[in-house]
Each structure stands twice: as structure tokens, then as C-alpha cells.
Amino acid sequence: MISPAYLSVVAALASCCGAFSNCSFGAQYANASYKSVDVVIVGGGSSGSNAAVHLKDAGLDVLVVEKNTQLGGMVNSWTDPSTGTVYDYGVAAYTNYTGTLDFFARLGINVTTASSLAVESTYVDMSTGLAINYTAPSLTDEVVALEKYYNISSQYADLYLPSYANWPAPTDIPEDLLLPFRDFAQKYDLDAALFLLWWTIVSGLGNMLDAPTLYVFQTFGPTTAAAFLGEAPEWVPESRRNQDIYDKIAEILGAPAVMTNSLVVSAQRLADNDGVTLVVEDQTTMAYTIVNAKRLVMAIEPTASNVEPFDMDTKETAVFAKGNWSAVNTGIITHPSLPVDGQINNLPAAAENGNYYAYPTVPFVDYFSYIGDNRWQVIVGSWYGITDVEAQAIASEAIEKMAAAGTIPATNGTKMEVLSWSNHGAMDMRVTADDLKAGYIQEQYSLQGYRSTYWTGAAFSSQLSTFLWAYNEQYLVPLVATDLT
């Protein structure tokens, strides 16, 4: 069902200018500078910056427009000023997938296998602050269930990874992919693997058990399962600072090809693939640049607010209005009452007595995990739209409740201190099983190349970086390059 709120946001832009053909950006922005490129890429996160390198290597002149002060998106590398220690609290490691090592080699970045440390976990219902008597599955049972998960998800992987290029017609979609994940897990007796999926990645969906199984597979695919089974490596830069990847990309692209701290404020996208014109505002100088490009690559989540400046028409709006997003906030915090060891996982009291189908309701803290030097990483899951302040309040409230319940020492009035924080914004776009059966994927992919615009990013592939990189290399870049030759 199309959200009226989504439609109203997009329609508001159209009313500002009427028909875009009647708008003269040159007259509106008389002091603007100008750039002309083959491809302009909006969004300099994992997918956008990777696409820029591949498009550059294909001989195209590119420009990346990124709202943050540096490329990298959700990577979140923070250097503790008191110790010099680097913490990666956004992206932990890079799953080994087709083209992963080749891309690192292209960047000239040496990699090593990611560290895997055993975590001593305790379990608390953070809605009450009380510890619960949760018994985790045995390692043997967990491995058996995860192997089953790996085998089944592998059967379908070519349909959804790294792109939906092989996605079947609506009447041919495997029923397993449409089942609520709760039903799928029960069907294949995956109980013992559920908590592992939840706390590592899939809690980011917000409602793991109710989501169509397709989106759980997309988030925690067979390659990720293989990594947890010890059968596939995960990589990090030898520097153990993931931001180095994106700093190197910026260097390769060159300063003229990267506009950071910049937002698109208006756009004209012409019919018949006649190109695009964007107005980009530097958020520091407030200066405008008018960018003319033969093609536009959108590497941002297609939420109503994100696409507002881009002159969406009814075809595009009808597709994206069906999407629903969750959100993840992640931060490094400190508080003297938190235990200097292990990890505190949030599970409801209903998870006691071997109930592996009980998880917190949105919004929630996923866990507090000790990372050393009196620092903890915290993950907060929610629906899209939560603010940093709201997410931090959820984390702080969890600490207060645990202290009030006597689960951790009293706070004595000490407040949680945030050392570094990142709101990852809209994540894990999904639609209903009914939408999938009605041909949603076909509708979505019909937008590739429409009005001189192509799409990359998690809404068109996976949330994980190395799958996005493969999507770009195998699917997106050949489309764009062929279109321009």
C-alpha cells in the first residue's frame, strides 16, 4: 500500500517549481559554479564510492556527492584521543565474496583476517532491567542449525545476490522466500541458530521473525553463515581501521571528483535519457554548484525525504512508497556501572525456558559489549526516523533500569557518556510478501536507466558491503557503461 505521507512529501517538491522544464537553475543560482561529468553519483558510502572507482576504471568521468565530511557511510572508525586506539563500530569486517580481494588490491590496501574473540554473555530484559534465566543453545546444536540454514539459503542465493537480476517471475518465487521467517525457522528446525542471527546482524531488521525470509537471507546470507561456521574468511585492512578503505578511494578519485559535506537541493532529470542537472549546496560555504551529467547513480536509500530533491515521478514514487525501513544506531559509550568484561544481551523474560523465538520489541537495545579501556559498544534498533538523541536515551534508560534492578551497580547519578555515535538511518528496506508476489522486484528493477538514473545500495541488493561491491561490478557498472557507449 502506498503511504499517503510518502506521496505528500514527494508532491510538495513538484509544487515548488511546477514543470521542471520551466525552471532555470542558472537564473535561480546566478553565482553557482558548474561541473559537467559523465556520471554523477549521489551518496559516498560503501556502494557509491565503490561504484565511482569502477566507473572511473571504465573510462568515465565521475563525480561523487556525499553529505558527510568524508566517504565511507556507515564504516564508523573512531580513534580514542586518550589512547590512540582505533575502534570500528559501524562495519566490523568484510565478508569474502566475489571480487572482494580484487577490490582491495585495486585500492592497494593489504588485508588480514578479522579477529574472532569468544564473548562471555549475560542476558537481561532491558525493559525491566532484570537478569533472565536464559539458556543459550549448545555449540553443537547451534552449528547443526546454522549448517542447515547455510545449505537452504545457498539453494536460493543466485536469485537475490548480489543483485535481483535472476529474480523469478511472481508466480515462480520459491515459497520459502515468502514465508515469515518465524514459519521458515520452524519448518526447518532452525531454533538453535536464531539467537546468533539476531544479535550479530539480523536484529537490524527490527522484526526478524515477521519479515519475509528473503530479507533475512539478504541480511545474513550463506556467505556470512559460512564465515560463522569457520569455513570462509572475513577481512579487515592490516591497519585495522576500515576508514582507510574510503580514504584511499577519495585519493584515487581525486579531490575534483569528490564533493563532501554537500547536499543535492534540486534536480532536473530529463526524459529520453537526455541527462540530469543537479544543484548541489556545500554545507560549509553554502555555495552552489550546478552539475550536468549524462547519467545519475543514486547510492542512497530511496526514502521520501532522501528522494525529495530529485523530481520523482509517479512511477518511481509508486515503487518506493511500498518500502519499509528499520534503523540502527551504534555508539561507543562509557559508564562506571557497566561490567568490564563480556557482553550484556537484551532478551525479554519470555526467552527463558528455551524459547528461542522471543526477542525485544522495537525500539530496543541489542547489546552492550565491552571493547576495552572502559569503553562499550551499544547497538540500538528501531524503525526509521529515530533521532540520535532518542536512540541515546534508549541506551541510557537501559543502563538506569539495570542499575535500579540491582543487575549492575548503582549509577549514583552518573550519566552515560557518549564518546562517538552514528545513526545509520534507513536500513534494510523491505516490502510485504504480497508485494513480492505482485511483482515488486520487477517494478523496482524497471527503474534502472529510467530518466537517466540508475540505482545502487542496499535497497537494490544487500546491506553488506562486499555484496554491494559485487552488485556494482557485476550488474550496475556494465549497465551504465554500456548505456554511455
Protein backbone atom coordinates (compact mmCIF):
# COMPACT_ATOMS: atom_id res chain seq x y z
CA MET A 1 0.00 0.00 0.00
CA ILE A 2 1.36 3.43 -0.92
CA SER A 3 1.90 5.66 2.08
CA PRO A 4 -0.01 8.98 1.86
CA ALA A 5 2.80 10.60 3.84
CA TYR A 6 5.35 9.48 1.25
CA LEU A 7 3.23 10.85 -1.60
CA SER A 8 2.72 14.19 0.12
CA VAL A 9 6.44 14.72 0.69
CA VAL A 10 7.34 14.00 -2.92
CA ALA A 11 4.43 16.02 -4.29
CA ALA A 12 5.48 19.02 -2.22
CA LEU A 13 8.65 19.39 -4.23
CA ALA A 14 6.84 19.27 -7.55
CA SER A 15 4.54 22.09 -6.48
CA CYS A 16 7.51 24.32 -5.66
CA CYS A 17 8.59 24.65 -9.25
CA GLY A 18 5.82 23.34 -11.43
CA ALA A 19 7.14 21.68 -14.57
CA PHE A 20 10.88 21.41 -14.21
CA SER A 21 11.38 22.28 -17.85
CA ASN A 22 10.26 25.80 -16.92
CA CYS A 23 12.84 26.15 -14.17
CA SER A 24 16.09 27.87 -14.92
CA PHE A 25 18.75 26.81 -12.45
CA GLY A 26 21.16 29.29 -13.95
CA ALA A 27 18.77 32.14 -13.15
CA GLN A 28 17.90 30.80 -9.70
CA TYR A 29 21.53 30.25 -8.72
CA ALA A 30 23.29 33.09 -10.50
CA ASN A 31 26.52 32.74 -8.52
CA ALA A 32 26.79 28.97 -8.91
CA SER A 33 29.81 27.24 -10.36
CA TYR A 34 29.42 24.49 -12.95
CA LYS A 35 30.63 20.93 -13.45
CA SER A 36 29.99 18.57 -16.35
CA VAL A 37 30.64 14.83 -15.99
CA ASP A 38 29.62 11.53 -17.49
CA VAL A 39 28.19 10.16 -14.24
CA VAL A 40 27.26 11.88 -11.00
CA ILE A 41 26.90 9.56 -8.00
CA VAL A 42 24.82 10.72 -5.05
CA GLY A 43 25.96 9.01 -1.89
CA GLY A 44 29.55 8.24 -0.97
CA GLY A 45 29.01 5.26 1.29
CA SER A 46 30.11 1.73 0.53
CA SER A 47 28.07 1.31 -2.65
CA GLY A 48 28.51 4.79 -4.10
CA SER A 49 32.24 5.11 -3.56
CA ASN A 50 32.89 1.61 -4.90
CA ALA A 51 30.75 2.32 -7.96
CA ALA A 52 32.73 5.51 -8.57
CA VAL A 53 36.02 3.60 -8.71
CA HIS A 54 34.65 1.01 -11.12
CA LEU A 55 33.04 3.64 -13.35
CA LYS A 56 36.30 5.62 -13.37
CA ASP A 57 38.14 2.44 -14.32
CA ALA A 58 35.64 2.01 -17.17
CA GLY A 59 36.89 5.31 -18.58
CA LEU A 60 34.05 7.54 -17.39
CA ASP A 61 34.37 10.96 -15.79
CA VAL A 62 32.66 10.74 -12.38
CA LEU A 63 31.64 12.99 -9.51
CA VAL A 64 30.58 11.80 -6.05
CA VAL A 65 28.28 13.96 -3.91
CA GLU A 66 28.35 12.99 -0.23
CA LYS A 67 26.51 14.68 2.65
CA ASN A 68 29.11 13.74 5.30
CA THR A 69 32.59 15.18 5.67
CA GLN A 70 34.24 12.03 4.30
CA LEU A 71 33.43 9.00 2.19
CA GLY A 72 32.55 5.75 3.94
CA GLY A 73 28.97 5.96 5.11
CA MET A 74 28.38 3.52 7.95
CA VAL A 75 32.01 2.45 8.39
CA ASN A 76 32.47 4.47 11.63
CA SER A 77 36.14 4.30 12.57
CA TRP A 78 36.83 6.24 15.77
CA THR A 79 40.26 6.95 17.23
CA ASP A 80 40.23 7.31 21.01
CA PRO A 81 42.08 10.59 21.63
CA SER A 82 43.26 9.44 25.05
CA THR A 83 44.87 6.17 23.89
CA GLY A 84 45.17 6.34 20.09
CA THR A 85 43.25 3.06 19.83
CA VAL A 86 41.08 2.70 16.74
CA TYR A 87 37.60 1.23 17.11
CA ASP A 88 35.47 0.21 14.12
CA TYR A 89 31.94 0.31 15.44
CA GLY A 90 29.95 0.51 12.22
CA VAL A 91 31.35 -2.13 9.90
CA ALA A 92 33.28 -4.84 11.73
CA ALA A 93 34.71 -6.83 8.82
CA TYR A 94 34.30 -7.62 5.13
CA THR A 95 32.80 -10.95 4.13
CA ASN A 96 34.73 -12.82 1.47
CA TYR A 97 32.72 -12.68 -1.75
CA THR A 98 33.35 -12.50 -5.48
CA GLY A 99 35.64 -9.56 -6.21
CA THR A 100 36.34 -8.62 -2.59
CA LEU A 101 40.08 -9.24 -2.64
CA ASP A 102 40.37 -7.81 -6.15
CA PHE A 103 38.86 -4.54 -4.94
CA PHE A 104 41.23 -4.33 -2.00
CA ALA A 105 44.08 -4.95 -4.43
CA ARG A 106 42.78 -2.20 -6.72
CA LEU A 107 42.94 0.18 -3.78
CA GLY A 108 46.40 -1.01 -2.79
CA ILE A 109 45.17 -1.97 0.68
CA ASN A 110 46.66 -5.03 2.34
CA VAL A 111 44.18 -7.06 4.34
CA THR A 112 44.27 -9.60 7.12
CA THR A 113 41.67 -11.90 8.62
CA ALA A 114 39.37 -10.34 11.18
CA SER A 115 39.87 -11.29 14.79
CA SER A 116 37.31 -13.60 16.33
CA LEU A 117 37.03 -13.38 20.09
CA ALA A 118 34.88 -15.51 22.37
CA VAL A 119 32.28 -13.38 24.12
CA GLU A 120 31.03 -14.12 27.63
CA SER A 121 27.37 -13.18 27.52
CA THR A 122 24.82 -12.34 30.15
CA TYR A 123 21.14 -11.84 29.43
CA VAL A 124 18.93 -9.07 30.72
CA ASP A 125 15.40 -7.96 29.98
CA MET A 126 16.22 -4.30 29.49
CA SER A 127 12.56 -3.29 29.63
CA THR A 128 12.73 -4.13 33.35
CA GLY A 129 16.46 -4.23 33.98
CA LEU A 130 16.22 -7.73 35.44
CA ALA A 131 18.57 -10.57 34.57
CA ILE A 132 16.81 -13.54 33.00
CA ASN A 133 17.48 -17.24 33.21
CA TYR A 134 18.24 -17.74 29.54
CA THR A 135 19.99 -20.90 28.43
CA ALA A 136 21.79 -20.49 25.14
CA PRO A 137 21.77 -23.45 22.75
CA SER A 138 24.76 -25.72 22.89
CA LEU A 139 27.52 -25.06 20.39
CA THR A 140 26.80 -28.41 18.75
CA ASP A 141 23.12 -27.60 18.28
CA GLU A 142 23.93 -24.10 17.05
CA VAL A 143 26.36 -25.43 14.44
CA VAL A 144 23.91 -28.07 13.21
CA ALA A 145 21.17 -25.46 12.82
CA LEU A 146 23.49 -22.96 11.15
CA GLU A 147 24.67 -25.61 8.69
CA LYS A 148 21.05 -26.27 7.75
CA TYR A 149 20.50 -22.55 7.35
CA TYR A 150 23.59 -22.32 5.15
CA ASN A 151 22.51 -25.21 2.93
CA ILE A 152 18.98 -23.91 2.41
CA SER A 153 19.94 -20.26 1.86
CA SER A 154 22.62 -21.35 -0.61
CA GLN A 155 19.97 -23.00 -2.79
CA TYR A 156 18.37 -19.62 -3.44
CA ALA A 157 21.38 -17.29 -3.33
CA ASP A 158 21.60 -16.74 -7.09
CA LEU A 159 18.12 -15.22 -7.01
CA TYR A 160 18.98 -12.34 -4.68
CA LEU A 161 22.78 -11.99 -4.51
CA PRO A 162 24.50 -9.86 -5.49
CA SER A 163 21.51 -8.47 -7.45
CA TYR A 164 17.97 -9.47 -8.33
CA ALA A 165 18.91 -9.91 -11.99
CA ASN A 166 17.90 -13.59 -11.76
CA TRP A 167 14.79 -12.99 -9.67
CA PRO A 168 11.92 -15.16 -10.92
CA ALA A 169 8.51 -14.13 -12.20
CA PRO A 170 6.00 -13.55 -9.39
CA THR A 171 4.33 -16.93 -9.90
CA ASP A 172 7.69 -18.71 -9.71
CA ILE A 173 9.03 -17.25 -6.44
CA PRO A 174 10.02 -20.12 -4.10
CA GLU A 175 7.54 -20.29 -1.24
CA ASP A 176 10.37 -20.50 1.31
CA LEU A 177 11.44 -16.94 0.46
CA LEU A 178 7.94 -15.58 1.07
CA LEU A 179 7.33 -17.25 4.42
CA PRO A 180 7.57 -15.16 7.58
CA PHE A 181 10.97 -16.10 8.95
CA ARG A 182 9.29 -17.47 12.08
CA ASP A 183 7.49 -20.06 9.95
CA PHE A 184 10.59 -20.80 7.89
CA ALA A 185 12.69 -21.40 11.02
CA GLN A 186 10.06 -23.72 12.46
CA LYS A 187 9.72 -25.57 9.16
CA TYR A 188 13.43 -26.40 9.08
CA ASP A 189 14.06 -26.65 12.85
CA LEU A 190 16.50 -23.74 12.99
CA ASP A 191 15.72 -22.76 16.59
CA ALA A 192 19.29 -23.13 17.81
CA ALA A 193 20.64 -20.66 15.22
CA LEU A 194 18.12 -17.88 15.78
CA PHE A 195 19.84 -16.00 18.58
CA LEU A 196 23.15 -15.98 16.68
CA LEU A 197 21.42 -14.47 13.64
CA TRP A 198 19.64 -11.95 15.85
CA TRP A 199 22.45 -10.46 17.87
CA THR A 200 25.10 -10.45 15.15
CA ILE A 201 23.24 -8.78 12.26
CA VAL A 202 19.57 -9.56 11.81
CA SER A 203 18.32 -7.54 14.77
CA GLY A 204 18.80 -4.65 12.34
CA LEU A 205 15.56 -5.75 10.66
CA GLY A 206 13.70 -4.88 13.84
CA ASN A 207 11.14 -7.66 13.39
CA MET A 208 13.28 -10.61 12.27
CA LEU A 209 10.65 -13.27 12.87
CA ASP A 210 7.89 -11.48 10.96
CA ALA A 211 9.96 -10.38 7.96
CA PRO A 212 9.76 -12.41 4.74
CA THR A 213 12.59 -14.95 4.75
CA LEU A 214 14.07 -13.33 1.63
CA TYR A 215 15.14 -10.31 3.67
CA VAL A 216 16.71 -12.39 6.41
CA PHE A 217 18.72 -14.25 3.76
CA GLN A 218 19.67 -10.92 2.21
CA THR A 219 20.93 -9.67 5.59
CA PHE A 220 22.58 -12.89 6.81
CA GLY A 221 23.30 -14.81 3.64
CA PRO A 222 25.08 -18.11 3.08
CA THR A 223 28.48 -16.41 2.83
CA THR A 224 28.01 -14.88 6.26
CA ALA A 225 26.84 -18.23 7.63
CA ALA A 226 29.98 -19.83 6.20
CA ALA A 227 32.11 -17.25 8.00
CA PHE A 228 30.46 -18.07 11.34
CA LEU A 229 30.95 -21.77 10.63
CA GLY A 230 34.67 -21.10 10.19
CA GLU A 231 34.56 -22.05 6.51
CA ALA A 232 35.13 -18.61 4.96
CA PRO A 233 37.36 -15.71 5.99
CA GLU A 234 36.35 -12.17 6.81
CA TRP A 235 38.78 -9.37 6.01
CA VAL A 236 39.90 -6.10 7.53
CA PRO A 237 42.68 -3.73 6.48
CA GLU A 238 46.04 -4.52 8.06
CA SER A 239 45.78 -1.12 9.71
CA ARG A 240 42.60 -2.37 11.39
CA ARG A 241 40.96 0.92 10.50
CA ASN A 242 38.16 0.46 7.99
CA GLN A 243 38.00 4.16 7.17
CA ASP A 244 41.33 3.65 5.36
CA ILE A 245 39.38 1.97 2.55
CA TYR A 246 37.36 5.07 1.84
CA ASP A 247 40.22 7.49 2.36
CA LYS A 248 42.05 5.56 -0.35
CA ILE A 249 39.02 5.72 -2.64
CA ALA A 250 38.91 9.50 -2.20
CA GLU A 251 42.60 9.65 -3.10
CA ILE A 252 42.09 7.53 -6.23
CA LEU A 253 39.13 9.58 -7.40
CA GLY A 254 40.91 12.86 -6.72
CA ALA A 255 39.61 15.98 -4.99
CA PRO A 256 37.79 17.42 -8.06
CA ALA A 257 35.70 14.22 -8.27
CA VAL A 258 34.50 14.25 -4.64
CA MET A 259 32.15 16.80 -3.11
CA THR A 260 31.81 16.06 0.61
CA ASN A 261 29.64 17.90 3.10
CA SER A 262 27.34 18.55 0.17
CA LEU A 263 23.63 18.06 -0.50
CA VAL A 264 21.56 17.99 -3.66
CA VAL A 265 18.86 20.62 -3.22
CA SER A 266 17.16 20.41 -6.61
CA ALA A 267 17.28 18.36 -9.78
CA GLN A 268 16.08 18.08 -13.36
CA ARG A 269 16.06 14.58 -14.84
CA LEU A 270 15.15 14.69 -18.48
CA ALA A 271 13.06 12.25 -20.47
CA ASP A 272 14.55 10.08 -23.24
CA ASN A 273 17.78 9.66 -21.27
CA ASP A 274 18.89 13.18 -22.11
CA GLY A 275 20.80 13.54 -18.85
CA VAL A 276 20.37 15.23 -15.49
CA THR A 277 21.13 18.54 -13.88
CA LEU A 278 21.66 18.75 -10.12
CA VAL A 279 22.04 21.75 -7.85
CA VAL A 280 24.49 20.88 -5.08
CA GLU A 281 24.96 23.01 -1.99
CA ASP A 282 28.18 22.96 0.02
CA GLN A 283 27.03 22.80 3.65
CA THR A 284 30.10 24.68 4.87
CA THR A 285 30.35 27.56 2.41
CA MET A 286 26.68 27.48 1.33
CA ALA A 287 27.94 27.86 -2.23
CA TYR A 288 26.07 26.19 -5.09
CA THR A 289 27.38 24.03 -7.91
CA ILE A 290 25.26 23.13 -10.92
CA VAL A 291 26.22 19.66 -12.11
CA ASN A 292 25.35 18.47 -15.60
CA ALA A 293 25.72 14.73 -16.10
CA LYS A 294 24.82 12.21 -18.74
CA ARG A 295 23.74 9.73 -16.09
CA LEU A 296 22.87 9.78 -12.40
CA VAL A 297 23.64 6.92 -10.00
CA MET A 298 21.61 7.05 -6.81
CA ALA A 299 23.52 5.42 -3.96
CA ILE A 300 21.19 6.50 -1.16
CA GLU A 301 18.18 4.84 0.42
CA PRO A 302 15.06 5.90 -1.52
CA THR A 303 13.09 7.22 1.43
CA ALA A 304 10.67 10.08 0.82
CA SER A 305 12.97 12.66 2.41
CA ASN A 306 16.06 11.39 0.58
CA VAL A 307 14.49 11.49 -2.87
CA GLU A 308 12.60 14.74 -2.29
CA PRO A 309 15.01 16.93 -4.34
CA PHE A 310 15.17 14.53 -7.28
CA ASP A 311 11.97 15.21 -9.21
CA MET A 312 10.46 11.75 -8.69
CA ASP A 313 7.54 10.96 -10.99
CA THR A 314 4.52 8.81 -10.17
CA LYS A 315 6.12 5.61 -11.46
CA GLU A 316 9.12 6.00 -9.15
CA THR A 317 7.05 7.18 -6.21
CA ALA A 318 4.69 4.22 -6.52
CA VAL A 319 7.63 1.81 -6.22
CA PHE A 320 9.44 3.38 -3.28
CA ALA A 321 6.29 4.22 -1.32
CA LYS A 322 5.83 0.49 -0.69
CA GLY A 323 9.15 0.21 1.15
CA ASN A 324 9.55 -0.01 4.90
CA TRP A 325 12.82 0.67 6.68
CA SER A 326 14.30 -0.06 10.06
CA ALA A 327 17.22 1.83 11.55
CA VAL A 328 20.31 1.10 13.61
CA ASN A 329 22.20 3.43 15.89
CA THR A 330 25.61 2.38 17.08
CA GLY A 331 27.87 4.11 19.53
CA ILE A 332 30.86 3.92 21.82
CA ILE A 333 29.94 4.88 25.34
CA THR A 334 31.30 4.69 28.86
CA HIS A 335 29.63 4.25 32.23
CA PRO A 336 31.20 3.04 35.51
CA SER A 337 28.30 0.69 36.31
CA LEU A 338 28.75 -1.46 33.21
CA PRO A 339 30.78 -4.67 33.69
CA VAL A 340 34.36 -4.54 32.46
CA ASP A 341 34.07 -7.79 30.56
CA GLY A 342 31.81 -9.60 28.14
CA GLN A 343 28.52 -8.60 26.64
CA ILE A 344 25.05 -7.86 28.02
CA ASN A 345 22.40 -9.08 25.58
CA ASN A 346 18.84 -7.81 25.69
CA LEU A 347 16.18 -10.53 25.69
CA PRO A 348 12.66 -10.46 27.13
CA ALA A 349 11.66 -12.61 30.08
CA ALA A 350 9.70 -14.76 27.62
CA ALA A 351 13.05 -16.07 26.31
CA GLU A 352 13.50 -18.12 29.47
CA ASN A 353 12.95 -21.89 29.43
CA GLY A 354 14.33 -22.45 25.95
CA ASN A 355 12.08 -20.11 23.97
CA TYR A 356 14.31 -19.10 21.06
CA TYR A 357 11.51 -17.14 19.40
CA ALA A 358 11.33 -14.31 21.95
CA TYR A 359 13.10 -11.03 21.11
CA PRO A 360 12.76 -7.38 22.15
CA THR A 361 10.14 -5.21 20.51
CA VAL A 362 11.15 -2.11 18.60
CA PRO A 363 12.78 0.15 19.74
CA PHE A 364 15.38 -1.74 21.77
CA VAL A 365 18.99 -2.04 22.83
CA ASP A 366 20.53 -5.08 21.17
CA TYR A 367 23.56 -5.28 23.45
CA PHE A 368 26.29 -3.54 25.39
CA SER A 369 29.64 -5.10 24.51
CA TYR A 370 32.89 -4.33 26.30
CA ILE A 371 35.65 -3.31 23.86
CA GLY A 372 38.41 -2.34 26.31
CA ASP A 373 39.68 0.69 28.20
CA ASN A 374 36.31 1.25 29.90
CA ARG A 375 34.58 1.59 26.55
CA TRP A 376 31.49 -0.28 25.39
CA GLN A 377 29.78 -0.56 22.06
CA VAL A 378 26.00 -0.27 22.14
CA ILE A 379 23.54 -1.09 19.36
CA VAL A 380 20.03 0.40 19.31
CA GLY A 381 17.44 -0.97 16.89
CA SER A 382 14.36 0.97 15.80
CA TRP A 383 12.14 1.85 12.92
CA TYR A 384 13.38 4.52 10.53
CA GLY A 385 13.00 8.08 11.78
CA ILE A 386 14.55 7.85 15.23
CA THR A 387 16.93 10.67 16.16
CA ASP A 388 20.36 10.35 17.74
CA VAL A 389 19.02 11.89 20.94
CA GLU A 390 16.14 9.42 21.11
CA ALA A 391 18.41 6.42 20.46
CA GLN A 392 20.90 7.56 23.09
CA ALA A 393 18.06 7.99 25.57
CA ILE A 394 17.03 4.35 24.97
CA ALA A 395 20.57 3.19 25.74
CA SER A 396 20.81 5.40 28.82
CA GLU A 397 17.44 4.23 30.10
CA ALA A 398 18.54 0.59 29.78
CA ILE A 399 21.55 1.30 32.00
CA GLU A 400 19.37 3.10 34.56
CA LYS A 401 16.86 0.24 34.67
CA MET A 402 19.58 -2.40 35.10
CA ALA A 403 21.07 -0.38 37.95
CA ALA A 404 17.67 0.17 39.61
CA ALA A 405 17.01 -3.58 39.42
CA GLY A 406 20.36 -4.37 41.02
CA THR A 407 21.60 -6.19 37.91
CA ILE A 408 24.58 -3.81 37.71
CA PRO A 409 25.94 -1.45 40.40
CA ALA A 410 24.04 1.74 41.20
CA THR A 411 24.76 4.68 38.92
CA ASN A 412 24.89 7.17 41.81
CA GLY A 413 23.68 9.82 39.41
CA THR A 414 26.40 9.25 36.83
CA LYS A 415 25.07 9.55 33.30
CA MET A 416 26.09 7.55 30.26
CA GLU A 417 28.83 9.36 28.34
CA VAL A 418 28.76 9.15 24.55
CA LEU A 419 32.26 9.09 23.06
CA SER A 420 31.25 8.53 19.43
CA TRP A 421 27.86 7.89 17.86
CA SER A 422 26.43 7.09 14.45
CA ASN A 423 22.83 6.99 13.28
CA HIS A 424 22.86 4.71 10.26
CA GLY A 425 19.50 5.99 9.14
CA ALA A 426 17.20 3.98 6.91
CA MET A 427 18.31 0.37 6.55
CA ASP A 428 17.06 -2.99 5.31
CA MET A 429 14.29 -1.79 3.01
CA ARG A 430 11.65 -4.46 2.61
CA VAL A 431 8.15 -4.95 1.28
CA THR A 432 5.48 -7.48 2.14
CA ALA A 433 5.23 -10.99 0.75
CA ASP A 434 2.09 -9.88 -1.07
CA ASP A 435 4.06 -7.08 -2.75
CA LEU A 436 6.72 -9.57 -3.81
CA LYS A 437 4.04 -11.86 -5.26
CA ALA A 438 2.58 -8.87 -7.10
CA GLY A 439 5.86 -8.27 -8.94
CA TYR A 440 7.55 -5.69 -6.73
CA ILE A 441 11.12 -6.67 -7.64
CA GLN A 442 10.31 -6.38 -11.34
CA GLU A 443 8.78 -2.94 -10.75
CA GLN A 444 11.81 -1.85 -8.75
CA TYR A 445 14.37 -3.01 -11.30
CA SER A 446 12.42 -1.43 -14.15
CA LEU A 447 13.71 1.87 -12.75
CA GLN A 448 17.29 1.04 -13.76
CA GLY A 449 18.14 3.52 -16.53
CA TYR A 450 14.77 5.24 -16.29
CA ARG A 451 15.08 9.02 -16.72
CA SER A 452 18.88 8.76 -17.00
CA THR A 453 19.03 7.30 -13.48
CA TYR A 454 20.49 4.09 -12.06
CA TRP A 455 20.31 2.75 -8.53
CA THR A 456 22.74 1.01 -6.22
CA GLY A 457 22.76 0.42 -2.48
CA ALA A 458 21.06 -1.87 0.00
CA ALA A 459 17.51 -1.29 -1.29
CA PHE A 460 18.57 -2.90 -4.57
CA SER A 461 20.96 -5.51 -3.20
CA SER A 462 22.18 -6.30 0.32
CA GLN A 463 23.07 -4.26 3.37
CA LEU A 464 26.59 -5.73 3.48
CA SER A 465 29.50 -4.02 1.74
CA THR A 466 31.07 -6.86 -0.19
CA PHE A 467 27.74 -7.86 -1.75
CA LEU A 468 27.19 -4.23 -2.74
CA TRP A 469 30.64 -4.17 -4.32
CA ALA A 470 29.83 -7.30 -6.31
CA TYR A 471 26.45 -5.83 -7.31
CA ASN A 472 28.24 -2.79 -8.72
CA GLU A 473 30.90 -4.73 -10.57
CA GLN A 474 28.68 -7.46 -11.98
CA TYR A 475 25.42 -5.62 -12.55
CA LEU A 476 25.40 -1.82 -12.22
CA VAL A 477 28.64 -0.72 -13.85
CA PRO A 478 28.15 -2.79 -17.03
CA LEU A 479 24.63 -1.29 -17.37
CA VAL A 480 25.85 2.28 -17.05
CA ALA A 481 28.97 1.83 -19.14
CA THR A 482 27.05 0.14 -21.94
CA ASP A 483 24.43 2.87 -21.85
CA LEU A 484 27.10 5.52 -22.41
CA THR A 485 28.97 3.80 -25.23
